Amino acid sequence: MELRDPAHVDTAPLAALGLVGGFLAARETGIRPLGGVVLGLAGFYAGRSWLAQSGPAATAGLSAVYLGGFGASHVLAKRIGAWPAVLSVAAVSAVAAWAVNDRHR
């Protein structure tokens, strides 16, 4: 098995997948750390592409949006519900990844 060249990876779907997939894995299995593993793996894979395609500053900003979305989803879930919160932060993270990184490819 070999990872794709980071210069040829679309990261917006990865950002959304990490947040939604992490939530779903934790929710459906009852194993919260499993959700963190999904979140971390998708974030790492997207991050290596952000670094290769857009440099360290963009990587730091997109990582902050991605991880900040994870934290914000917990706060937002108390106000609007779990699924709307996760979908909202996943959409913000995906749009940011597309705007900063993917659309320039």
PDB file of N, CA and C in Angstrom:
ATOM      1  N   MET A   1       0.847  -1.172   0.000  1.00  0.00           N
ATOM      2  CA  MET A   1       0.000   0.000   0.000  1.00  0.00           C
ATOM      3  C   MET A   1       0.890   1.232   0.000  1.00  0.00           C
ATOM      4  N   GLU A   2       0.491   2.209  -0.787  1.00  0.00           N
ATOM      5  CA  GLU A   2       1.272   3.426  -0.907  1.00  0.00           C
ATOM      6  C   GLU A   2       0.340   4.630  -0.912  1.00  0.00           C
ATOM      7  N   LEU A   3       0.715   5.663  -0.169  1.00  0.00           N
ATOM      8  CA  LEU A   3      -0.069   6.897  -0.150  1.00  0.00           C
ATOM      9  C   LEU A   3       0.146   7.660  -1.443  1.00  0.00           C
ATOM     10  N   ARG A   4      -0.888   8.331  -1.889  1.00  0.00           N
ATOM     11  CA  ARG A   4      -0.776   9.173  -3.083  1.00  0.00           C
ATOM     12  C   ARG A   4       0.187  10.312  -2.838  1.00  0.00           C
ATOM     13  N   ASP A   5       0.763  10.811  -3.888  1.00  0.00           N
ATOM     14  CA  ASP A   5       1.628  11.977  -3.820  1.00  0.00           C
ATOM     15  C   ASP A   5       0.817  13.131  -3.230  1.00  0.00           C
ATOM     16  N   PRO A   6       1.327  13.799  -2.173  1.00  0.00           N
ATOM     17  CA  PRO A   6       0.542  14.858  -1.526  1.00  0.00           C
ATOM     18  C   PRO A   6       0.172  16.016  -2.454  1.00  0.00           C
ATOM     19  N   ALA A   7       0.896  16.180  -3.532  1.00  0.00           N
ATOM     20  CA  ALA A   7       0.583  17.255  -4.470  1.00  0.00           C
ATOM     21  C   ALA A   7      -0.657  16.960  -5.304  1.00  0.00           C
ATOM     22  N   HIS A   8      -1.162  15.727  -5.232  1.00  0.00           N
ATOM     23  CA  HIS A   8      -2.308  15.337  -6.059  1.00  0.00           C
ATOM     24  C   HIS A   8      -3.518  14.902  -5.240  1.00  0.00           C
ATOM     25  N   VAL A   9      -3.638  15.411  -4.044  1.00  0.00           N
ATOM     26  CA  VAL A   9      -4.737  15.022  -3.160  1.00  0.00           C
ATOM     27  C   VAL A   9      -5.676  16.205  -2.957  1.00  0.00           C
ATOM     28  N   ASP A  10      -6.970  15.992  -3.182  1.00  0.00           N
ATOM     29  CA  ASP A  10      -7.984  17.002  -2.853  1.00  0.00           C
ATOM     30  C   ASP A  10      -8.265  16.896  -1.359  1.00  0.00           C
ATOM     31  N   THR A  11      -8.125  17.994  -0.645  1.00  0.00           N
ATOM     32  CA  THR A  11      -8.192  17.935   0.815  1.00  0.00           C
ATOM     33  C   THR A  11      -9.539  18.340   1.403  1.00  0.00           C
ATOM     34  N   ALA A  12     -10.374  19.018   0.658  1.00  0.00           N
ATOM     35  CA  ALA A  12     -11.685  19.411   1.196  1.00  0.00           C
ATOM     36  C   ALA A  12     -12.502  18.186   1.618  1.00  0.00           C
ATOM     37  N   PRO A  13     -12.575  17.139   0.788  1.00  0.00           N
ATOM     38  CA  PRO A  13     -13.316  15.954   1.233  1.00  0.00           C
ATOM     39  C   PRO A  13     -12.677  15.281   2.449  1.00  0.00           C
ATOM     40  N   LEU A  14     -11.355  15.318   2.538  1.00  0.00           N
ATOM     41  CA  LEU A  14     -10.675  14.735   3.696  1.00  0.00           C
ATOM     42  C   LEU A  14     -11.035  15.466   4.979  1.00  0.00           C
ATOM     43  N   ALA A  15     -11.074  16.791   4.913  1.00  0.00           N
ATOM     44  CA  ALA A  15     -11.422  17.577   6.095  1.00  0.00           C
ATOM     45  C   ALA A  15     -12.836  17.247   6.567  1.00  0.00           C
ATOM     46  N   ALA A  16     -13.762  17.180   5.631  1.00  0.00           N
ATOM     47  CA  ALA A  16     -15.141  16.838   5.993  1.00  0.00           C
ATOM     48  C   ALA A  16     -15.231  15.407   6.500  1.00  0.00           C
ATOM     49  N   LEU A  17     -14.541  14.497   5.823  1.00  0.00           N
ATOM     50  CA  LEU A  17     -14.561  13.094   6.223  1.00  0.00           C
ATOM     51  C   LEU A  17     -14.001  12.904   7.634  1.00  0.00           C
ATOM     52  N   GLY A  18     -12.930  13.594   7.956  1.00  0.00           N
ATOM     53  CA  GLY A  18     -12.341  13.450   9.284  1.00  0.00           C
ATOM     54  C   GLY A  18     -13.290  13.859  10.389  1.00  0.00           C
ATOM     55  N   LEU A  19     -13.986  14.962  10.201  1.00  0.00           N
ATOM     56  CA  LEU A  19     -14.908  15.451  11.227  1.00  0.00           C
ATOM     57  C   LEU A  19     -16.181  14.611  11.303  1.00  0.00           C
ATOM     58  N   VAL A  20     -16.783  14.348  10.172  1.00  0.00           N
ATOM     59  CA  VAL A  20     -18.023  13.557  10.170  1.00  0.00           C
ATOM     60  C   VAL A  20     -17.723  12.094  10.502  1.00  0.00           C
ATOM     61  N   GLY A  21     -16.670  11.555   9.892  1.00  0.00           N
ATOM     62  CA  GLY A  21     -16.317  10.161  10.139  1.00  0.00           C
ATOM     63  C   GLY A  21     -15.885   9.910  11.571  1.00  0.00           C
ATOM     64  N   GLY A  22     -15.158  10.856  12.146  1.00  0.00           N
ATOM     65  CA  GLY A  22     -14.754  10.716  13.540  1.00  0.00           C
ATOM     66  C   GLY A  22     -15.955  10.713  14.471  1.00  0.00           C
ATOM     67  N   PHE A  23     -16.878  11.620  14.218  1.00  0.00           N
ATOM     68  CA  PHE A  23     -18.096  11.676  15.027  1.00  0.00           C
ATOM     69  C   PHE A  23     -18.886  10.378  14.892  1.00  0.00           C
ATOM     70  N   LEU A  24     -19.049   9.923  13.662  1.00  0.00           N
ATOM     71  CA  LEU A  24     -19.837   8.715  13.409  1.00  0.00           C
ATOM     72  C   LEU A  24     -19.178   7.480  14.030  1.00  0.00           C
ATOM     73  N   ALA A  25     -17.866   7.364  13.892  1.00  0.00           N
ATOM     74  CA  ALA A  25     -17.165   6.211  14.474  1.00  0.00           C
ATOM     75  C   ALA A  25     -17.330   6.188  15.989  1.00  0.00           C
ATOM     76  N   ALA A  26     -17.177   7.337  16.632  1.00  0.00           N
ATOM     77  CA  ALA A  26     -17.319   7.402  18.089  1.00  0.00           C
ATOM     78  C   ALA A  26     -18.756   7.120  18.515  1.00  0.00           C
ATOM     79  N   ARG A  27     -19.688   7.662  17.792  1.00  0.00           N
ATOM     80  CA  ARG A  27     -21.097   7.514  18.154  1.00  0.00           C
ATOM     81  C   ARG A  27     -21.584   6.076  17.987  1.00  0.00           C
ATOM     82  N   GLU A  28     -21.248   5.478  16.869  1.00  0.00           N
ATOM     83  CA  GLU A  28     -21.781   4.156  16.561  1.00  0.00           C
ATOM     84  C   GLU A  28     -21.082   3.032  17.320  1.00  0.00           C
ATOM     85  N   THR A  29     -19.818   3.215  17.662  1.00  0.00           N
ATOM     86  CA  THR A  29     -19.103   2.158  18.391  1.00  0.00           C
ATOM     87  C   THR A  29     -19.137   2.384  19.896  1.00  0.00           C
ATOM     88  N   GLY A  30     -19.373   3.623  20.305  1.00  0.00           N
ATOM     89  CA  GLY A  30     -19.304   3.948  21.729  1.00  0.00           C
ATOM     90  C   GLY A  30     -17.870   4.086  22.217  1.00  0.00           C
ATOM     91  N   ILE A  31     -16.918   4.027  21.306  1.00  0.00           N
ATOM     92  CA  ILE A  31     -15.500   4.141  21.647  1.00  0.00           C
ATOM     93  C   ILE A  31     -15.023   5.513  21.174  1.00  0.00           C
ATOM     94  N   ARG A  32     -15.041   6.481  22.086  1.00  0.00           N
ATOM     95  CA  ARG A  32     -14.687   7.847  21.709  1.00  0.00           C
ATOM     96  C   ARG A  32     -13.283   7.981  21.148  1.00  0.00           C
ATOM     97  N   PRO A  33     -12.292   7.257  21.700  1.00  0.00           N
ATOM     98  CA  PRO A  33     -10.949   7.377  21.118  1.00  0.00           C
ATOM     99  C   PRO A  33     -10.871   6.924  19.657  1.00  0.00           C
ATOM    100  N   LEU A  34     -11.751   6.019  19.244  1.00  0.00           N
ATOM    101  CA  LEU A  34     -11.778   5.601  17.851  1.00  0.00           C
ATOM    102  C   LEU A  34     -12.135   6.787  16.953  1.00  0.00           C
ATOM    103  N   GLY A  35     -13.057   7.619  17.410  1.00  0.00           N
ATOM    104  CA  GLY A  35     -13.389   8.833  16.671  1.00  0.00           C
ATOM    105  C   GLY A  35     -12.189   9.751  16.545  1.00  0.00           C
ATOM    106  N   GLY A  36     -11.412   9.832  17.606  1.00  0.00           N
ATOM    107  CA  GLY A  36     -10.193  10.638  17.578  1.00  0.00           C
ATOM    108  C   GLY A  36      -9.164  10.096  16.601  1.00  0.00           C
ATOM    109  N   VAL A  37      -9.097   8.776  16.483  1.00  0.00           N
ATOM    110  CA  VAL A  37      -8.177   8.159  15.524  1.00  0.00           C
ATOM    111  C   VAL A  37      -8.585   8.522  14.098  1.00  0.00           C
ATOM    112  N   VAL A  38      -9.877   8.423  13.801  1.00  0.00           N
ATOM    113  CA  VAL A  38     -10.370   8.781  12.469  1.00  0.00           C
ATOM    114  C   VAL A  38     -10.088  10.261  12.190  1.00  0.00           C
ATOM    115  N   LEU A  39     -10.401  11.116  13.145  1.00  0.00           N
ATOM    116  CA  LEU A  39     -10.140  12.549  13.019  1.00  0.00           C
ATOM    117  C   LEU A  39      -8.655  12.801  12.774  1.00  0.00           C
ATOM    118  N   GLY A  40      -7.804  12.155  13.552  1.00  0.00           N
ATOM    119  CA  GLY A  40      -6.361  12.358  13.440  1.00  0.00           C
ATOM    120  C   GLY A  40      -5.782  11.868  12.128  1.00  0.00           C
ATOM    121  N   LEU A  41      -6.202  10.687  11.687  1.00  0.00           N
ATOM    122  CA  LEU A  41      -5.672  10.144  10.431  1.00  0.00           C
ATOM    123  C   LEU A  41      -6.063  11.004   9.230  1.00  0.00           C
ATOM    124  N   ALA A  42      -7.319  11.409   9.180  1.00  0.00           N
ATOM    125  CA  ALA A  42      -7.759  12.256   8.067  1.00  0.00           C
ATOM    126  C   ALA A  42      -7.051  13.613   8.124  1.00  0.00           C
ATOM    127  N   GLY A  43      -6.899  14.155   9.326  1.00  0.00           N
ATOM    128  CA  GLY A  43      -6.211  15.434   9.483  1.00  0.00           C
ATOM    129  C   GLY A  43      -4.750  15.348   9.096  1.00  0.00           C
ATOM    130  N   PHE A  44      -4.089  14.263   9.466  1.00  0.00           N
ATOM    131  CA  PHE A  44      -2.685  14.068   9.094  1.00  0.00           C
ATOM    132  C   PHE A  44      -2.535  13.968   7.587  1.00  0.00           C
ATOM    133  N   TYR A  45      -3.399  13.181   6.955  1.00  0.00           N
ATOM    134  CA  TYR A  45      -3.316  12.989   5.507  1.00  0.00           C
ATOM    135  C   TYR A  45      -3.592  14.301   4.766  1.00  0.00           C
ATOM    136  N   ALA A  46      -4.579  15.048   5.226  1.00  0.00           N
ATOM    137  CA  ALA A  46      -4.846  16.352   4.617  1.00  0.00           C
ATOM    138  C   ALA A  46      -3.689  17.316   4.893  1.00  0.00           C
ATOM    139  N   GLY A  47      -3.169  17.278   6.109  1.00  0.00           N
ATOM    140  CA  GLY A  47      -2.092  18.190   6.490  1.00  0.00           C
ATOM    141  C   GLY A  47      -0.833  18.014   5.672  1.00  0.00           C
ATOM    142  N   ARG A  48      -0.496  16.775   5.333  1.00  0.00           N
ATOM    143  CA  ARG A  48       0.702  16.568   4.518  1.00  0.00           C
ATOM    144  C   ARG A  48       0.508  17.143   3.118  1.00  0.00           C
ATOM    145  N   SER A  49      -0.725  17.114   2.638  1.00  0.00           N
ATOM    146  CA  SER A  49      -1.012  17.716   1.334  1.00  0.00           C
ATOM    147  C   SER A  49      -1.034  19.237   1.423  1.00  0.00           C
ATOM    148  N   TRP A  50      -1.587  19.779   2.517  1.00  0.00           N
ATOM    149  CA  TRP A  50      -1.568  21.234   2.682  1.00  0.00           C
ATOM    150  C   TRP A  50      -0.137  21.743   2.692  1.00  0.00           C
ATOM    151  N   LEU A  51       0.728  21.041   3.387  1.00  0.00           N
ATOM    152  CA  LEU A  51       2.125  21.452   3.481  1.00  0.00           C
ATOM    153  C   LEU A  51       2.805  21.390   2.120  1.00  0.00           C
ATOM    154  N   ALA A  52       2.588  20.319   1.394  1.00  0.00           N
ATOM    155  CA  ALA A  52       3.218  20.157   0.082  1.00  0.00           C
ATOM    156  C   ALA A  52       2.675  21.141  -0.947  1.00  0.00           C
ATOM    157  N   GLN A  53       1.386  21.445  -0.857  1.00  0.00           N
ATOM    158  CA  GLN A  53       0.756  22.277  -1.881  1.00  0.00           C
ATOM    159  C   GLN A  53       0.753  23.766  -1.551  1.00  0.00           C
ATOM    160  N   SER A  54       0.626  24.121  -0.266  1.00  0.00           N
ATOM    161  CA  SER A  54       0.405  25.527   0.085  1.00  0.00           C
ATOM    162  C   SER A  54       1.396  26.086   1.093  1.00  0.00           C
ATOM    163  N   GLY A  55       2.240  25.261   1.671  1.00  0.00           N
ATOM    164  CA  GLY A  55       3.260  25.755   2.586  1.00  0.00           C
ATOM    165  C   GLY A  55       2.837  25.732   4.047  1.00  0.00           C
ATOM    166  N   PRO A  56       3.794  26.092   4.918  1.00  0.00           N
ATOM    167  CA  PRO A  56       3.563  25.976   6.362  1.00  0.00           C
ATOM    168  C   PRO A  56       2.510  26.936   6.925  1.00  0.00           C
ATOM    169  N   ALA A  57       2.431  28.156   6.424  1.00  0.00           N
ATOM    170  CA  ALA A  57       1.454  29.117   6.963  1.00  0.00           C
ATOM    171  C   ALA A  57       0.024  28.639   6.694  1.00  0.00           C
ATOM    172  N   ALA A  58      -0.234  28.212   5.457  1.00  0.00           N
ATOM    173  CA  ALA A  58      -1.567  27.708   5.117  1.00  0.00           C
ATOM    174  C   ALA A  58      -1.875  26.435   5.902  1.00  0.00           C
ATOM    175  N   THR A  59      -0.868  25.591   6.080  1.00  0.00           N
ATOM    176  CA  THR A  59      -1.058  24.356   6.847  1.00  0.00           C
ATOM    177  C   THR A  59      -1.451  24.671   8.283  1.00  0.00           C
ATOM    178  N   ALA A  60      -0.772  25.642   8.882  1.00  0.00           N
ATOM    179  CA  ALA A  60      -1.100  26.027  10.260  1.00  0.00           C
ATOM    180  C   ALA A  60      -2.518  26.583  10.345  1.00  0.00           C
ATOM    181  N   GLY A  61      -2.900  27.430   9.407  1.00  0.00           N
ATOM    182  CA  GLY A  61      -4.243  28.002   9.416  1.00  0.00           C
ATOM    183  C   GLY A  61      -5.327  26.964   9.202  1.00  0.00           C
ATOM    184  N   LEU A  62      -5.122  26.091   8.219  1.00  0.00           N
ATOM    185  CA  LEU A  62      -6.125  25.056   7.945  1.00  0.00           C
ATOM    186  C   LEU A  62      -6.206  24.040   9.074  1.00  0.00           C
ATOM    187  N   SER A  63      -5.072  23.743   9.683  1.00  0.00           N
ATOM    188  CA  SER A  63      -5.083  22.836  10.837  1.00  0.00           C
ATOM    189  C   SER A  63      -5.855  23.451  11.998  1.00  0.00           C
ATOM    190  N   ALA A  64      -5.691  24.758  12.188  1.00  0.00           N
ATOM    191  CA  ALA A  64      -6.425  25.449  13.254  1.00  0.00           C
ATOM    192  C   ALA A  64      -7.928  25.416  12.990  1.00  0.00           C
ATOM    193  N   VAL A  65      -8.325  25.610  11.744  1.00  0.00           N
ATOM    194  CA  VAL A  65      -9.749  25.539  11.393  1.00  0.00           C
ATOM    195  C   VAL A  65     -10.275  24.125  11.628  1.00  0.00           C
ATOM    196  N   TYR A  66      -9.519  23.132  11.206  1.00  0.00           N
ATOM    197  CA  TYR A  66      -9.926  21.723  11.336  1.00  0.00           C
ATOM    198  C   TYR A  66     -10.067  21.331  12.803  1.00  0.00           C
ATOM    199  N   LEU A  67      -9.021  21.570  13.588  1.00  0.00           N
ATOM    200  CA  LEU A  67      -9.066  21.199  15.004  1.00  0.00           C
ATOM    201  C   LEU A  67     -10.003  22.108  15.796  1.00  0.00           C
ATOM    202  N   GLY A  68     -10.074  23.379  15.408  1.00  0.00           N
ATOM    203  CA  GLY A  68     -11.021  24.288  16.054  1.00  0.00           C
ATOM    204  C   GLY A  68     -12.454  23.869  15.799  1.00  0.00           C
ATOM    205  N   GLY A  69     -12.707  23.346  14.603  1.00  0.00           N
ATOM    206  CA  GLY A  69     -14.042  22.838  14.290  1.00  0.00           C
ATOM    207  C   GLY A  69     -14.419  21.668  15.174  1.00  0.00           C
ATOM    208  N   PHE A  70     -13.442  20.823  15.474  1.00  0.00           N
ATOM    209  CA  PHE A  70     -13.687  19.696  16.375  1.00  0.00           C
ATOM    210  C   PHE A  70     -14.125  20.215  17.741  1.00  0.00           C
ATOM    211  N   GLY A  71     -13.402  21.196  18.266  1.00  0.00           N
ATOM    212  CA  GLY A  71     -13.772  21.771  19.566  1.00  0.00           C
ATOM    213  C   GLY A  71     -15.089  22.523  19.518  1.00  0.00           C
ATOM    214  N   ALA A  72     -15.283  23.284  18.444  1.00  0.00           N
ATOM    215  CA  ALA A  72     -16.506  24.075  18.310  1.00  0.00           C
ATOM    216  C   ALA A  72     -17.744  23.198  18.167  1.00  0.00           C
ATOM    217  N   SER A  73     -17.578  22.031  17.575  1.00  0.00           N
ATOM    218  CA  SER A  73     -18.742  21.160  17.385  1.00  0.00           C
ATOM    219  C   SER A  73     -19.320  20.710  18.723  1.00  0.00           C
ATOM    220  N   HIS A  74     -18.471  20.550  19.720  1.00  0.00           N
ATOM    221  CA  HIS A  74     -18.960  20.154  21.039  1.00  0.00           C
ATOM    222  C   HIS A  74     -19.801  21.269  21.673  1.00  0.00           C
ATOM    223  N   VAL A  75     -19.338  22.485  21.542  1.00  0.00           N
ATOM    224  CA  VAL A  75     -20.069  23.636  22.083  1.00  0.00           C
ATOM    225  C   VAL A  75     -21.364  23.858  21.302  1.00  0.00           C
ATOM    226  N   LEU A  76     -21.254  23.798  19.985  1.00  0.00           N
ATOM    227  CA  LEU A  76     -22.415  24.019  19.127  1.00  0.00           C
ATOM    228  C   LEU A  76     -23.479  22.945  19.307  1.00  0.00           C
ATOM    229  N   ALA A  77     -23.055  21.725  19.587  1.00  0.00           N
ATOM    230  CA  ALA A  77     -24.004  20.612  19.737  1.00  0.00           C
ATOM    231  C   ALA A  77     -25.005  20.867  20.854  1.00  0.00           C
ATOM    232  N   LYS A  78     -24.590  21.589  21.863  1.00  0.00           N
ATOM    233  CA  LYS A  78     -25.494  21.905  22.973  1.00  0.00           C
ATOM    234  C   LYS A  78     -26.585  22.875  22.544  1.00  0.00           C
ATOM    235  N   ARG A  79     -26.316  23.639  21.498  1.00  0.00           N
ATOM    236  CA  ARG A  79     -27.286  24.644  21.038  1.00  0.00           C
ATOM    237  C   ARG A  79     -28.152  24.164  19.886  1.00  0.00           C
ATOM    238  N   ILE A  80     -27.538  23.463  18.921  1.00  0.00           N
ATOM    239  CA  ILE A  80     -28.295  23.109  17.727  1.00  0.00           C
ATOM    240  C   ILE A  80     -28.412  21.597  17.498  1.00  0.00           C
ATOM    241  N   GLY A  81     -27.783  20.807  18.338  1.00  0.00           N
ATOM    242  CA  GLY A  81     -27.826  19.344  18.183  1.00  0.00           C
ATOM    243  C   GLY A  81     -26.532  18.819  17.592  1.00  0.00           C
ATOM    244  N   ALA A  82     -26.298  17.537  17.811  1.00  0.00           N
ATOM    245  CA  ALA A  82     -25.032  16.927  17.429  1.00  0.00           C
ATOM    246  C   ALA A  82     -24.805  16.915  15.915  1.00  0.00           C
ATOM    247  N   TRP A  83     -25.752  16.355  15.157  1.00  0.00           N
ATOM    248  CA  TRP A  83     -25.549  16.259  13.714  1.00  0.00           C
ATOM    249  C   TRP A  83     -25.454  17.621  13.037  1.00  0.00           C
ATOM    250  N   PRO A  84     -26.334  18.568  13.333  1.00  0.00           N
ATOM    251  CA  PRO A  84     -26.178  19.878  12.698  1.00  0.00           C
ATOM    252  C   PRO A  84     -24.836  20.536  13.039  1.00  0.00           C
ATOM    253  N   ALA A  85     -24.370  20.350  14.270  1.00  0.00           N
ATOM    254  CA  ALA A  85     -23.090  20.939  14.671  1.00  0.00           C
ATOM    255  C   ALA A  85     -21.938  20.316  13.888  1.00  0.00           C
ATOM    256  N   VAL A  86     -21.914  19.003  13.807  1.00  0.00           N
ATOM    257  CA  VAL A  86     -20.828  18.313  13.103  1.00  0.00           C
ATOM    258  C   VAL A  86     -20.859  18.650  11.617  1.00  0.00           C
ATOM    259  N   LEU A  87     -22.026  18.653  11.024  1.00  0.00           N
ATOM    260  CA  LEU A  87     -22.125  18.981   9.601  1.00  0.00           C
ATOM    261  C   LEU A  87     -21.722  20.426   9.334  1.00  0.00           C
ATOM    262  N   SER A  88     -22.049  21.324  10.247  1.00  0.00           N
ATOM    263  CA  SER A  88     -21.675  22.733  10.081  1.00  0.00           C
ATOM    264  C   SER A  88     -20.169  22.926  10.107  1.00  0.00           C
ATOM    265  N   VAL A  89     -19.510  22.358  11.116  1.00  0.00           N
ATOM    266  CA  VAL A  89     -18.061  22.550  11.206  1.00  0.00           C
ATOM    267  C   VAL A  89     -17.331  21.791  10.094  1.00  0.00           C
ATOM    268  N   ALA A  90     -17.882  20.658   9.660  1.00  0.00           N
ATOM    269  CA  ALA A  90     -17.282  19.927   8.540  1.00  0.00           C
ATOM    270  C   ALA A  90     -17.367  20.761   7.268  1.00  0.00           C
ATOM    271  N   ALA A  91     -18.501  21.420   7.066  1.00  0.00           N
ATOM    272  CA  ALA A  91     -18.656  22.271   5.886  1.00  0.00           C
ATOM    273  C   ALA A  91     -17.692  23.448   5.926  1.00  0.00           C
ATOM    274  N   VAL A  92     -17.541  24.079   7.070  1.00  0.00           N
ATOM    275  CA  VAL A  92     -16.610  25.212   7.200  1.00  0.00           C
ATOM    276  C   VAL A  92     -15.184  24.749   6.919  1.00  0.00           C
ATOM    277  N   SER A  93     -14.803  23.632   7.480  1.00  0.00           N
ATOM    278  CA  SER A  93     -13.452  23.108   7.276  1.00  0.00           C
ATOM    279  C   SER A  93     -13.213  22.735   5.809  1.00  0.00           C
ATOM    280  N   ALA A  94     -14.194  22.114   5.180  1.00  0.00           N
ATOM    281  CA  ALA A  94     -14.055  21.731   3.777  1.00  0.00           C
ATOM    282  C   ALA A  94     -13.969  22.958   2.868  1.00  0.00           C
ATOM    283  N   VAL A  95     -14.791  23.953   3.123  1.00  0.00           N
ATOM    284  CA  VAL A  95     -14.756  25.178   2.311  1.00  0.00           C
ATOM    285  C   VAL A  95     -13.417  25.891   2.493  1.00  0.00           C
ATOM    286  N   ALA A  96     -12.921  25.941   3.717  1.00  0.00           N
ATOM    287  CA  ALA A  96     -11.619  26.572   3.963  1.00  0.00           C
ATOM    288  C   ALA A  96     -10.508  25.820   3.230  1.00  0.00           C
ATOM    289  N   ALA A  97     -10.533  24.484   3.285  1.00  0.00           N
ATOM    290  CA  ALA A  97      -9.516  23.685   2.590  1.00  0.00           C
ATOM    291  C   ALA A  97      -9.586  23.910   1.083  1.00  0.00           C
ATOM    292  N   TRP A  98     -10.790  23.984   0.563  1.00  0.00           N
ATOM    293  CA  TRP A  98     -10.929  24.237  -0.865  1.00  0.00           C
ATOM    294  C   TRP A  98     -10.431  25.632  -1.239  1.00  0.00           C
ATOM    295  N   ALA A  99     -10.855  26.636  -0.468  1.00  0.00           N
ATOM    296  CA  ALA A  99     -10.505  28.023  -0.799  1.00  0.00           C
ATOM    297  C   ALA A  99      -9.007  28.296  -0.676  1.00  0.00           C
ATOM    298  N   VAL A 100      -8.394  27.771   0.354  1.00  0.00           N
ATOM    299  CA  VAL A 100      -6.977  28.061   0.598  1.00  0.00           C
ATOM    300  C   VAL A 100      -6.065  27.134  -0.211  1.00  0.00           C
ATOM    301  N   ASN A 101      -6.474  25.890  -0.401  1.00  0.00           N
ATOM    302  CA  ASN A 101      -5.556  24.909  -0.967  1.00  0.00           C
ATOM    303  C   ASN A 101      -6.022  24.311  -2.290  1.00  0.00           C
ATOM    304  N   ASP A 102      -7.181  23.707  -2.309  1.00  0.00           N
ATOM    305  CA  ASP A 102      -7.578  22.872  -3.448  1.00  0.00           C
ATOM    306  C   ASP A 102      -7.861  23.639  -4.733  1.00  0.00           C
ATOM    307  N   ARG A 103      -8.431  24.791  -4.650  1.00  0.00           N
ATOM    308  CA  ARG A 103      -8.821  25.495  -5.880  1.00  0.00           C
ATOM    309  C   ARG A 103      -7.606  25.987  -6.667  1.00  0.00           C
ATOM    310  N   HIS A 104      -6.459  26.030  -6.046  1.00  0.00           N
ATOM    311  CA  HIS A 104      -5.245  26.506  -6.715  1.00  0.00           C
ATOM    312  C   HIS A 104      -4.528  25.397  -7.476  1.00  0.00           C
ATOM    313  N   ARG A 105      -4.975  24.169  -7.302  1.00  0.00           N
ATOM    314  CA  ARG A 105      -4.305  23.050  -7.993  1.00  0.00           C
ATOM    315  C   ARG A 105      -4.661  23.027  -9.450  1.00  0.00           C
TER     316      ARG A 105
END
